[in-house]
Amino acid sequence: MTNSSDLNITNPKPTRRGMMTWIIMIGGLAASYGTAAVHALRYLTPNRKPRIWKAYAGGVHDIPAGTSKIYNSPDGRKVVITNTGEQFTALSDVCPHLGCKVHWNESSKQFICPCHNGVFDVNGVAISGPPAKAGQRLAKYEIQPVDSALYITLTEG
């Protein structure tokens, strides 16, 4: 029979197996907390790179010279596509001043905002009314005729 004074229970000698258990446990905790921190940071800081895509906006022959057409983008935006006779332009139909809907006036070759008589040129730059005083312009989208089709470049957000 052993005497209790022979056993050193209060300060046992560390073994290799015990040390490896602690190292693996600490490594596993560090890896799991690190993974959780990375996922939390990705959730809290969203991807800043906007998605850009080209969408079919209609045929070239669908918009005769001097007319315009409203294009409804997949994300709900409305874009006025205008054939000026020389080029196609794609501009937002929302006035930056108060959010009213603008329309193309063929006789003056300008976009008109009926709310406060804002007038925009063919490129969407405000030339009179409150939007001109504020230095505003209509949002512009790139549009490309390819063969007999029109493609508009949209950006997410």
C-alpha atoms as a PDB file:
ATOM      1  CA  MET A   1       0.000   0.000   0.000  1.00  0.00           C
ATOM      2  CA  THR A   2       1.254   3.474  -0.839  1.00  0.00           C
ATOM      3  CA  ASN A   3       1.453   6.287   1.534  1.00  0.00           C
ATOM      4  CA  SER A   4      -0.398   9.506   0.563  1.00  0.00           C
ATOM      5  CA  SER A   5       2.750  11.435   1.205  1.00  0.00           C
ATOM      6  CA  ASP A   6       4.414   9.456  -1.620  1.00  0.00           C
ATOM      7  CA  LEU A   7       1.923  10.801  -4.207  1.00  0.00           C
ATOM      8  CA  ASN A   8       2.353  14.367  -5.347  1.00  0.00           C
ATOM      9  CA  ILE A   9      -1.306  15.133  -6.148  1.00  0.00           C
ATOM     10  CA  THR A  10      -1.099  18.896  -5.803  1.00  0.00           C
ATOM     11  CA  ASN A  11       1.630  19.364  -8.414  1.00  0.00           C
ATOM     12  CA  PRO A  12       1.512  16.517 -10.941  1.00  0.00           C
ATOM     13  CA  LYS A  13       4.299  16.233 -13.487  1.00  0.00           C
ATOM     14  CA  PRO A  14       3.175  17.351 -16.972  1.00  0.00           C
ATOM     15  CA  THR A  15       3.167  14.624 -19.607  1.00  0.00           C
ATOM     16  CA  ARG A  16       3.660  14.926 -23.344  1.00  0.00           C
ATOM     17  CA  ARG A  17       0.120  13.731 -23.943  1.00  0.00           C
ATOM     18  CA  GLY A  18      -1.255  16.378 -21.595  1.00  0.00           C
ATOM     19  CA  MET A  19       0.796  19.115 -23.259  1.00  0.00           C
ATOM     20  CA  MET A  20      -0.366  18.057 -26.744  1.00  0.00           C
ATOM     21  CA  THR A  21      -3.979  18.068 -25.541  1.00  0.00           C
ATOM     22  CA  TRP A  22      -3.612  21.662 -24.333  1.00  0.00           C
ATOM     23  CA  ILE A  23      -1.845  22.786 -27.523  1.00  0.00           C
ATOM     24  CA  ILE A  24      -4.540  21.227 -29.747  1.00  0.00           C
ATOM     25  CA  MET A  25      -7.329  22.686 -27.615  1.00  0.00           C
ATOM     26  CA  ILE A  26      -5.843  26.206 -27.675  1.00  0.00           C
ATOM     27  CA  GLY A  27      -5.168  25.940 -31.432  1.00  0.00           C
ATOM     28  CA  GLY A  28      -8.753  24.832 -32.088  1.00  0.00           C
ATOM     29  CA  LEU A  29     -10.164  27.707 -30.033  1.00  0.00           C
ATOM     30  CA  ALA A  30      -7.933  30.238 -31.815  1.00  0.00           C
ATOM     31  CA  ALA A  31      -8.963  28.875 -35.238  1.00  0.00           C
ATOM     32  CA  SER A  32     -12.681  28.923 -34.399  1.00  0.00           C
ATOM     33  CA  TYR A  33     -12.579  32.453 -32.937  1.00  0.00           C
ATOM     34  CA  GLY A  34     -10.498  33.632 -35.892  1.00  0.00           C
ATOM     35  CA  THR A  35     -13.000  32.159 -38.356  1.00  0.00           C
ATOM     36  CA  ALA A  36     -15.893  33.770 -36.477  1.00  0.00           C
ATOM     37  CA  ALA A  37     -14.088  37.132 -36.531  1.00  0.00           C
ATOM     38  CA  VAL A  38     -13.492  36.916 -40.301  1.00  0.00           C
ATOM     39  CA  HIS A  39     -17.158  36.125 -40.970  1.00  0.00           C
ATOM     40  CA  ALA A  40     -18.302  38.929 -38.670  1.00  0.00           C
ATOM     41  CA  LEU A  41     -16.033  41.435 -40.459  1.00  0.00           C
ATOM     42  CA  ARG A  42     -17.274  40.309 -43.886  1.00  0.00           C
ATOM     43  CA  TYR A  43     -20.862  40.742 -42.688  1.00  0.00           C
ATOM     44  CA  LEU A  44     -20.231  44.186 -41.192  1.00  0.00           C
ATOM     45  CA  THR A  45     -18.182  45.513 -44.144  1.00  0.00           C
ATOM     46  CA  PRO A  46     -20.002  44.614 -47.378  1.00  0.00           C
ATOM     47  CA  ASN A  47     -18.269  44.227 -50.705  1.00  0.00           C
ATOM     48  CA  ARG A  48     -17.676  47.714 -52.149  1.00  0.00           C
ATOM     49  CA  LYS A  49     -17.189  46.588 -55.733  1.00  0.00           C
ATOM     50  CA  PRO A  50     -20.456  47.219 -57.607  1.00  0.00           C
ATOM     51  CA  ARG A  51     -21.740  44.626 -60.024  1.00  0.00           C
ATOM     52  CA  ILE A  52     -21.844  45.858 -63.634  1.00  0.00           C
ATOM     53  CA  TRP A  53     -23.833  44.149 -66.367  1.00  0.00           C
ATOM     54  CA  LYS A  54     -25.151  44.799 -69.866  1.00  0.00           C
ATOM     55  CA  ALA A  55     -28.829  44.321 -70.579  1.00  0.00           C
ATOM     56  CA  TYR A  56     -30.771  44.164 -73.810  1.00  0.00           C
ATOM     57  CA  ALA A  57     -32.803  47.390 -74.045  1.00  0.00           C
ATOM     58  CA  GLY A  58     -34.609  46.825 -77.345  1.00  0.00           C
ATOM     59  CA  GLY A  59     -34.062  47.091 -81.038  1.00  0.00           C
ATOM     60  CA  VAL A  60     -32.556  50.086 -82.820  1.00  0.00           C
ATOM     61  CA  HIS A  61     -35.633  50.252 -85.064  1.00  0.00           C
ATOM     62  CA  ASP A  62     -37.991  50.346 -82.029  1.00  0.00           C
ATOM     63  CA  ILE A  63     -36.963  53.967 -81.352  1.00  0.00           C
ATOM     64  CA  PRO A  64     -37.223  56.100 -84.509  1.00  0.00           C
ATOM     65  CA  ALA A  65     -35.207  59.330 -84.733  1.00  0.00           C
ATOM     66  CA  GLY A  66     -36.641  62.048 -82.510  1.00  0.00           C
ATOM     67  CA  THR A  67     -38.496  59.708 -80.162  1.00  0.00           C
ATOM     68  CA  SER A  68     -37.815  58.117 -76.820  1.00  0.00           C
ATOM     69  CA  LYS A  69     -38.764  54.957 -75.008  1.00  0.00           C
ATOM     70  CA  ILE A  70     -38.927  54.085 -71.313  1.00  0.00           C
ATOM     71  CA  TYR A  71     -36.787  51.090 -70.421  1.00  0.00           C
ATOM     72  CA  ASN A  72     -37.572  49.261 -67.166  1.00  0.00           C
ATOM     73  CA  SER A  73     -34.342  47.774 -65.834  1.00  0.00           C
ATOM     74  CA  PRO A  74     -34.368  44.435 -63.984  1.00  0.00           C
ATOM     75  CA  ASP A  75     -33.730  46.234 -60.676  1.00  0.00           C
ATOM     76  CA  GLY A  76     -36.740  48.555 -61.102  1.00  0.00           C
ATOM     77  CA  ARG A  77     -35.085  51.718 -62.421  1.00  0.00           C
ATOM     78  CA  LYS A  78     -36.692  53.519 -65.326  1.00  0.00           C
ATOM     79  CA  VAL A  79     -34.389  54.835 -68.031  1.00  0.00           C
ATOM     80  CA  VAL A  80     -35.364  57.125 -70.912  1.00  0.00           C
ATOM     81  CA  ILE A  81     -33.670  55.933 -74.082  1.00  0.00           C
ATOM     82  CA  THR A  82     -33.743  58.677 -76.709  1.00  0.00           C
ATOM     83  CA  ASN A  83     -32.814  58.607 -80.375  1.00  0.00           C
ATOM     84  CA  THR A  84     -31.765  62.177 -81.171  1.00  0.00           C
ATOM     85  CA  GLY A  85     -31.211  61.285 -84.794  1.00  0.00           C
ATOM     86  CA  GLU A  86     -27.453  61.455 -84.296  1.00  0.00           C
ATOM     87  CA  GLN A  87     -27.000  59.228 -81.262  1.00  0.00           C
ATOM     88  CA  PHE A  88     -28.790  57.190 -78.614  1.00  0.00           C
ATOM     89  CA  THR A  89     -28.767  58.482 -75.040  1.00  0.00           C
ATOM     90  CA  ALA A  90     -29.894  56.710 -71.899  1.00  0.00           C
ATOM     91  CA  LEU A  91     -30.764  58.908 -68.921  1.00  0.00           C
ATOM     92  CA  SER A  92     -32.651  58.454 -65.693  1.00  0.00           C
ATOM     93  CA  ASP A  93     -36.238  59.631 -65.847  1.00  0.00           C
ATOM     94  CA  VAL A  94     -35.981  61.071 -62.318  1.00  0.00           C
ATOM     95  CA  CYS A  95     -35.177  64.757 -61.895  1.00  0.00           C
ATOM     96  CA  PRO A  96     -32.411  65.155 -59.282  1.00  0.00           C
ATOM     97  CA  HIS A  97     -34.108  68.271 -57.868  1.00  0.00           C
ATOM     98  CA  LEU A  98     -37.305  66.791 -56.414  1.00  0.00           C
ATOM     99  CA  GLY A  99     -37.645  63.368 -58.034  1.00  0.00           C
ATOM    100  CA  CYS A 100     -40.265  64.265 -60.649  1.00  0.00           C
ATOM    101  CA  LYS A 101     -40.453  62.358 -63.934  1.00  0.00           C
ATOM    102  CA  VAL A 102     -38.799  64.050 -66.906  1.00  0.00           C
ATOM    103  CA  HIS A 103     -39.863  63.594 -70.540  1.00  0.00           C
ATOM    104  CA  TRP A 104     -38.233  64.172 -73.913  1.00  0.00           C
ATOM    105  CA  ASN A 105     -39.450  67.159 -75.955  1.00  0.00           C
ATOM    106  CA  GLU A 106     -38.598  66.562 -79.613  1.00  0.00           C
ATOM    107  CA  SER A 107     -39.282  70.112 -80.801  1.00  0.00           C
ATOM    108  CA  SER A 108     -36.748  71.667 -78.391  1.00  0.00           C
ATOM    109  CA  LYS A 109     -34.538  68.524 -78.214  1.00  0.00           C
ATOM    110  CA  GLN A 110     -34.492  68.756 -74.423  1.00  0.00           C
ATOM    111  CA  PHE A 111     -35.693  66.877 -71.381  1.00  0.00           C
ATOM    112  CA  ILE A 112     -38.345  68.765 -69.438  1.00  0.00           C
ATOM    113  CA  CYS A 113     -39.202  68.399 -65.754  1.00  0.00           C
ATOM    114  CA  PRO A 114     -42.798  69.567 -65.287  1.00  0.00           C
ATOM    115  CA  CYS A 115     -42.516  70.201 -61.529  1.00  0.00           C
ATOM    116  CA  HIS A 116     -40.421  73.388 -61.565  1.00  0.00           C
ATOM    117  CA  ASN A 117     -39.718  73.853 -65.291  1.00  0.00           C
ATOM    118  CA  GLY A 118     -36.306  72.248 -65.086  1.00  0.00           C
ATOM    119  CA  VAL A 119     -34.717  71.769 -68.501  1.00  0.00           C
ATOM    120  CA  PHE A 120     -31.929  69.333 -69.360  1.00  0.00           C
ATOM    121  CA  ASP A 121     -29.962  69.068 -72.604  1.00  0.00           C
ATOM    122  CA  VAL A 122     -29.587  65.869 -74.607  1.00  0.00           C
ATOM    123  CA  ASN A 123     -26.715  64.742 -72.345  1.00  0.00           C
ATOM    124  CA  GLY A 124     -28.706  65.257 -69.129  1.00  0.00           C
ATOM    125  CA  VAL A 125     -26.996  68.481 -68.013  1.00  0.00           C
ATOM    126  CA  ALA A 126     -29.419  70.974 -66.421  1.00  0.00           C
ATOM    127  CA  ILE A 127     -29.566  74.191 -68.416  1.00  0.00           C
ATOM    128  CA  SER A 128     -32.365  76.061 -66.631  1.00  0.00           C
ATOM    129  CA  GLY A 129     -34.619  75.959 -63.598  1.00  0.00           C
ATOM    130  CA  PRO A 130     -33.745  74.862 -60.057  1.00  0.00           C
ATOM    131  CA  PRO A 131     -31.606  71.883 -61.206  1.00  0.00           C
ATOM    132  CA  ALA A 132     -29.353  74.243 -63.205  1.00  0.00           C
ATOM    133  CA  LYS A 133     -28.944  76.566 -60.228  1.00  0.00           C
ATOM    134  CA  ALA A 134     -27.923  73.588 -58.100  1.00  0.00           C
ATOM    135  CA  GLY A 135     -25.546  72.259 -60.798  1.00  0.00           C
ATOM    136  CA  GLN A 136     -27.414  68.977 -61.115  1.00  0.00           C
ATOM    137  CA  ARG A 137     -27.760  66.539 -63.986  1.00  0.00           C
ATOM    138  CA  LEU A 138     -29.718  63.426 -64.866  1.00  0.00           C
ATOM    139  CA  ALA A 139     -28.015  60.115 -64.160  1.00  0.00           C
ATOM    140  CA  LYS A 140     -26.505  58.859 -67.416  1.00  0.00           C
ATOM    141  CA  TYR A 141     -26.154  55.255 -68.564  1.00  0.00           C
ATOM    142  CA  GLU A 142     -23.901  53.926 -71.293  1.00  0.00           C
ATOM    143  CA  ILE A 143     -25.865  52.600 -74.261  1.00  0.00           C
ATOM    144  CA  GLN A 144     -24.413  50.825 -77.263  1.00  0.00           C
ATOM    145  CA  PRO A 145     -26.047  49.858 -80.526  1.00  0.00           C
ATOM    146  CA  VAL A 146     -24.770  46.441 -81.606  1.00  0.00           C
ATOM    147  CA  ASP A 147     -26.040  45.382 -85.034  1.00  0.00           C
ATOM    148  CA  SER A 148     -29.770  46.110 -84.701  1.00  0.00           C
ATOM    149  CA  ALA A 149     -29.945  45.841 -80.893  1.00  0.00           C
ATOM    150  CA  LEU A 150     -29.410  48.323 -78.072  1.00  0.00           C
ATOM    151  CA  TYR A 151     -27.527  47.285 -74.937  1.00  0.00           C
ATOM    152  CA  ILE A 152     -27.475  49.379 -71.773  1.00  0.00           C
ATOM    153  CA  THR A 153     -24.770  49.133 -69.103  1.00  0.00           C
ATOM    154  CA  LEU A 154     -26.205  49.056 -65.587  1.00  0.00           C
ATOM    155  CA  THR A 155     -24.458  49.246 -62.247  1.00  0.00           C
ATOM    156  CA  GLU A 156     -25.837  47.694 -59.100  1.00  0.00           C
ATOM    157  CA  GLY A 157     -26.963  50.159 -56.462  1.00  0.00           C
END
